Amino acid sequence: MPPTFVKFAHALNGSEKGANLQEQTLLRLLEDETLAWVHLDGTDPRTGDWIAQHLDYLDPQAIEALLDVDTRPRVTVLGNGMMVILRSVNINEGENPEDMVSVRMWIDAHRIVTISRKPTRVIERIDAAMRGGEVFETAGEFMVRLVEEITSHIADFQKELDLKTEDLEERVVSETSGHLGREVVDLRLQVIAARRFVVPQRAALEAISKAQLGFIDQTTRREIEEEHLKMTRVVEDMEELREQASVLREELSSHLSDRLNRNMFVLSVMSAIFLPLGFLTGLFGVNVGGMPGVGDSKAFLWLCLAMGALFLLQMAILWRLRWIGGGRR
């Protein structure tokens, strides 16, 4: 049995084509001219020692890149092979999809070594396809399938963000919920985080399409160019989504500001009405040299009538000033 950090191991051609390989057979096929693929768990501390011991014929720069913790999408041609680092949507339970999973791959005409530090759906799908009988005749075909899977997942994620943006646009207009602000900010952060990876990934796909290597034939090159165009559209859509999120945030801020202004206006009107009335009642309640009207049994009635008249006068003035009821045209 292969070590536990060897997640998948397949021969792509030769007499063992399509077979799940044992460790010794895997090591033999990786070193000779039979095309084989192995996928390793990058979090297992034994992975680095295994590569150093059994894959020491690889370029040292490629080994370093395979084991690096912090990576970004890029492509480096080394001799007859190529070091490819791509990012795929994170669909692991409890994690954010925009926190994309890194897939590191050394690929040449005779061997493919991939490593990821988290479970990756695209790798699992390729393994399932090979177990189901799908055959990749060349390293170029395998690379095209991997790139297609990754690009498809990213495009689906971008469509989800697009639908989320459309929903928020409708709700910003019709709702006044305080939760909308948090949702708009979360959307913008998602777009920014995803764009941080898809922009260099577009450049990486372009570099693959232009690489002059024996296993990249014209068919492979055309298919990678097509995936590069798809990624370009994703990048452009991400840029548009980022701008839409900024507009949504500004529009939401405008709505909140309008609501605050309306509330302040209501408070101002209430203050304008009750401040004079409060002043009047306070003035007549001052007990300095005797309260006014104490000797008149109708004084309270006259005070109420005066306050009522003052109230009506205030309402008429506010109406004429168009503070309430539209005022006079």
Foldseek 3Di string as FASTA:
>chain_A
DADPQFPFKAFQDDPRHLHTDDDVVRLVQQPDQGEMEIEGALVDPCPLVCCVVRVVVDDPVLSCVQNDDDDAFAWDDDPQKIWTKAWAFDPDPPDHRLVTWIWIWIDGFRYIYIYTNDDDVLVVVVRVVSNVPDHDNTSLSVVLSSLVSRLVRLVVVLVVLVVLLVVLVVCLVVHLDPCSLVVLVVSLVSLVSNLVHLVVNLVRLVCVLPDDHDRCDPVSSVSSVVSSVSSVVSNVSSVVSNVSSVVSNVSSVVVVVVVVVVVVLVVVLVCLQCVVVVVLVVVQPDQDVHRPPPVPPCPVVVNVVVSVVSNVVSVLVCQCVCSPDRHDD
